[in-house]
Amino acid sequence: MIMIKRIYETPEPSDGYRVFVDRLWPRGLKREMAAIDHWAKAITPSTELRTWYDHRPERWDEFQLRYRLELATGKAVDELARLRAAAKSGPMTLLTATRNEAQNHAMVARDVLGS
């Protein structure tokens, strides 16, 4: 099972393997407090894509398509393979600092990892 949480939420044993999936570390949060097991920078949206999307709801569908294309190339392919293997051994939680819990890149990454 792959879950999604905001990185600011309290870590729990049920989170399992905790993977941070944002390119930039969130301000005001010490790494020790986040209790991450892995920082998967290779599967984060590119700066260009993230800037273009800008959390604008009308761009969500196009963002998903573009992000899936990014995840299908380069270092992201190897990173996704490693994360799929880790997810087979127990629960995994993708962590993000984004405020938009309804439309964010972690949701897309979770869907791609599940396929």
C-alpha atoms as a PDB file:
ATOM      1  CA  MET A   1       0.000   0.000   0.000  1.00  0.00           C
ATOM      2  CA  ILE A   2       1.296   3.467  -0.927  1.00  0.00           C
ATOM      3  CA  MET A   3      -0.059   6.433   1.022  1.00  0.00           C
ATOM      4  CA  ILE A   4       0.466  10.191   0.771  1.00  0.00           C
ATOM      5  CA  LYS A   5       0.997  12.586   3.676  1.00  0.00           C
ATOM      6  CA  ARG A   6       2.192  16.109   4.168  1.00  0.00           C
ATOM      7  CA  ILE A   7       5.730  16.066   5.486  1.00  0.00           C
ATOM      8  CA  TYR A   8       4.663  18.349   8.345  1.00  0.00           C
ATOM      9  CA  GLU A   9       2.410  15.640   9.804  1.00  0.00           C
ATOM     10  CA  THR A  10       3.725  13.581  12.702  1.00  0.00           C
ATOM     11  CA  PRO A  11       5.506  10.406  11.582  1.00  0.00           C
ATOM     12  CA  GLU A  12       3.710   7.205  12.575  1.00  0.00           C
ATOM     13  CA  PRO A  13       4.845   3.567  12.532  1.00  0.00           C
ATOM     14  CA  SER A  14       2.018   2.789  10.084  1.00  0.00           C
ATOM     15  CA  ASP A  15       3.732   5.079   7.513  1.00  0.00           C
ATOM     16  CA  GLY A  16       6.251   2.343   6.788  1.00  0.00           C
ATOM     17  CA  TYR A  17       9.000   3.454   4.392  1.00  0.00           C
ATOM     18  CA  ARG A  18       8.843   7.273   4.243  1.00  0.00           C
ATOM     19  CA  VAL A  19       9.859   8.841   0.928  1.00  0.00           C
ATOM     20  CA  PHE A  20      10.093  12.589   0.399  1.00  0.00           C
ATOM     21  CA  VAL A  21       9.068  13.454  -3.173  1.00  0.00           C
ATOM     22  CA  ASP A  22       9.647  17.225  -3.417  1.00  0.00           C
ATOM     23  CA  ARG A  23      12.687  18.778  -5.093  1.00  0.00           C
ATOM     24  CA  LEU A  24      13.194  21.453  -2.420  1.00  0.00           C
ATOM     25  CA  TRP A  25      13.411  20.893   1.324  1.00  0.00           C
ATOM     26  CA  PRO A  26      10.526  22.632   3.157  1.00  0.00           C
ATOM     27  CA  ARG A  27      11.422  25.730   5.125  1.00  0.00           C
ATOM     28  CA  GLY A  28      11.308  25.530   8.868  1.00  0.00           C
ATOM     29  CA  LEU A  29      11.430  21.735   9.079  1.00  0.00           C
ATOM     30  CA  LYS A  30      14.456  19.959  10.485  1.00  0.00           C
ATOM     31  CA  ARG A  31      15.359  16.753   8.705  1.00  0.00           C
ATOM     32  CA  GLU A  32      15.412  14.802  11.953  1.00  0.00           C
ATOM     33  CA  MET A  33      11.795  15.795  12.630  1.00  0.00           C
ATOM     34  CA  ALA A  34      10.674  14.627   9.186  1.00  0.00           C
ATOM     35  CA  ALA A  35      11.964  11.098   9.786  1.00  0.00           C
ATOM     36  CA  ILE A  36      12.385  10.322   6.095  1.00  0.00           C
ATOM     37  CA  ASP A  37      13.950   7.099   4.879  1.00  0.00           C
ATOM     38  CA  HIS A  38      14.680   8.343   1.374  1.00  0.00           C
ATOM     39  CA  TRP A  39      14.590  11.589  -0.617  1.00  0.00           C
ATOM     40  CA  ALA A  40      13.549  10.656  -4.155  1.00  0.00           C
ATOM     41  CA  LYS A  41      14.682  13.745  -6.068  1.00  0.00           C
ATOM     42  CA  ALA A  42      14.845  11.799  -9.333  1.00  0.00           C
ATOM     43  CA  ILE A  43      11.038  11.467  -9.463  1.00  0.00           C
ATOM     44  CA  THR A  44      10.164  15.048  -8.628  1.00  0.00           C
ATOM     45  CA  PRO A  45       8.685  17.267 -11.346  1.00  0.00           C
ATOM     46  CA  SER A  46      11.253  19.350 -13.188  1.00  0.00           C
ATOM     47  CA  THR A  47      11.585  22.988 -12.208  1.00  0.00           C
ATOM     48  CA  GLU A  48      10.155  23.987 -15.574  1.00  0.00           C
ATOM     49  CA  LEU A  49       7.075  21.776 -15.156  1.00  0.00           C
ATOM     50  CA  ARG A  50       6.527  22.793 -11.553  1.00  0.00           C
ATOM     51  CA  THR A  51       6.769  26.486 -12.473  1.00  0.00           C
ATOM     52  CA  TRP A  52       4.437  26.084 -15.446  1.00  0.00           C
ATOM     53  CA  TYR A  53       1.813  24.210 -13.398  1.00  0.00           C
ATOM     54  CA  ASP A  54       1.880  26.702 -10.506  1.00  0.00           C
ATOM     55  CA  HIS A  55      -0.928  24.703  -8.799  1.00  0.00           C
ATOM     56  CA  ARG A  56      -3.471  26.118 -11.242  1.00  0.00           C
ATOM     57  CA  PRO A  57      -6.481  23.774 -11.342  1.00  0.00           C
ATOM     58  CA  GLU A  58      -7.122  24.389 -15.031  1.00  0.00           C
ATOM     59  CA  ARG A  59      -3.645  22.966 -15.790  1.00  0.00           C
ATOM     60  CA  TRP A  60      -4.037  19.800 -13.705  1.00  0.00           C
ATOM     61  CA  ASP A  61      -4.879  17.418 -16.569  1.00  0.00           C
ATOM     62  CA  GLU A  62      -2.017  18.666 -18.737  1.00  0.00           C
ATOM     63  CA  PHE A  63       0.351  18.624 -15.745  1.00  0.00           C
ATOM     64  CA  GLN A  64      -0.408  14.944 -15.155  1.00  0.00           C
ATOM     65  CA  LEU A  65       0.386  14.075 -18.768  1.00  0.00           C
ATOM     66  CA  ARG A  66       3.637  16.033 -18.793  1.00  0.00           C
ATOM     67  CA  TYR A  67       4.721  14.658 -15.424  1.00  0.00           C
ATOM     68  CA  ARG A  68       4.045  11.067 -16.495  1.00  0.00           C
ATOM     69  CA  LEU A  69       6.291  11.687 -19.514  1.00  0.00           C
ATOM     70  CA  GLU A  70       9.052  12.929 -17.211  1.00  0.00           C
ATOM     71  CA  LEU A  71       8.653   9.852 -15.019  1.00  0.00           C
ATOM     72  CA  ALA A  72       9.127   7.608 -18.050  1.00  0.00           C
ATOM     73  CA  THR A  73      12.618   8.934 -18.833  1.00  0.00           C
ATOM     74  CA  GLY A  74      16.101   9.221 -17.396  1.00  0.00           C
ATOM     75  CA  LYS A  75      16.926   8.621 -13.753  1.00  0.00           C
ATOM     76  CA  ALA A  76      13.241   8.542 -12.830  1.00  0.00           C
ATOM     77  CA  VAL A  77      12.867   5.080 -14.369  1.00  0.00           C
ATOM     78  CA  ASP A  78      15.534   3.564 -12.094  1.00  0.00           C
ATOM     79  CA  GLU A  79      14.215   5.396  -9.039  1.00  0.00           C
ATOM     80  CA  LEU A  80      10.676   4.165  -9.683  1.00  0.00           C
ATOM     81  CA  ALA A  81      11.953   0.589  -9.981  1.00  0.00           C
ATOM     82  CA  ARG A  82      13.706   0.884  -6.604  1.00  0.00           C
ATOM     83  CA  LEU A  83      10.601   2.354  -4.982  1.00  0.00           C
ATOM     84  CA  ARG A  84       8.344  -0.362  -6.450  1.00  0.00           C
ATOM     85  CA  ALA A  85      10.639  -2.990  -4.947  1.00  0.00           C
ATOM     86  CA  ALA A  86      10.568  -1.250  -1.561  1.00  0.00           C
ATOM     87  CA  ALA A  87       6.766  -0.980  -1.668  1.00  0.00           C
ATOM     88  CA  LYS A  88       6.493  -4.762  -2.055  1.00  0.00           C
ATOM     89  CA  SER A  89       8.010  -5.305   1.382  1.00  0.00           C
ATOM     90  CA  GLY A  90       5.511  -3.182   3.314  1.00  0.00           C
ATOM     91  CA  PRO A  91       3.683   0.120   3.533  1.00  0.00           C
ATOM     92  CA  MET A  92       5.184   3.198   1.922  1.00  0.00           C
ATOM     93  CA  THR A  93       4.283   6.842   2.426  1.00  0.00           C
ATOM     94  CA  LEU A  94       5.091   9.527  -0.120  1.00  0.00           C
ATOM     95  CA  LEU A  95       5.732  12.813   1.662  1.00  0.00           C
ATOM     96  CA  THR A  96       5.180  16.245   0.168  1.00  0.00           C
ATOM     97  CA  ALA A  97       5.042  19.796   1.480  1.00  0.00           C
ATOM     98  CA  THR A  98       2.333  20.870  -0.953  1.00  0.00           C
ATOM     99  CA  ARG A  99      -0.833  22.331   0.529  1.00  0.00           C
ATOM    100  CA  ASN A 100      -3.075  21.109  -2.267  1.00  0.00           C
ATOM    101  CA  GLU A 101      -4.044  17.626  -1.128  1.00  0.00           C
ATOM    102  CA  ALA A 102      -6.483  17.100  -4.010  1.00  0.00           C
ATOM    103  CA  GLN A 103      -4.161  17.763  -6.964  1.00  0.00           C
ATOM    104  CA  ASN A 104      -0.449  17.249  -6.516  1.00  0.00           C
ATOM    105  CA  HIS A 105       2.502  15.434  -8.022  1.00  0.00           C
ATOM    106  CA  ALA A 106       2.622  12.847  -5.211  1.00  0.00           C
ATOM    107  CA  MET A 107      -0.754  11.554  -6.393  1.00  0.00           C
ATOM    108  CA  VAL A 108       0.601  11.063  -9.903  1.00  0.00           C
ATOM    109  CA  ALA A 109       3.760   9.388  -8.586  1.00  0.00           C
ATOM    110  CA  ARG A 110       1.663   7.030  -6.444  1.00  0.00           C
ATOM    111  CA  ASP A 111      -0.444   6.088  -9.471  1.00  0.00           C
ATOM    112  CA  VAL A 112       2.669   5.448 -11.568  1.00  0.00           C
ATOM    113  CA  LEU A 113       4.255   3.369  -8.778  1.00  0.00           C
ATOM    114  CA  GLY A 114       1.112   1.292  -8.507  1.00  0.00           C
ATOM    115  CA  SER A 115       1.125   0.383 -12.193  1.00  0.00           C
END
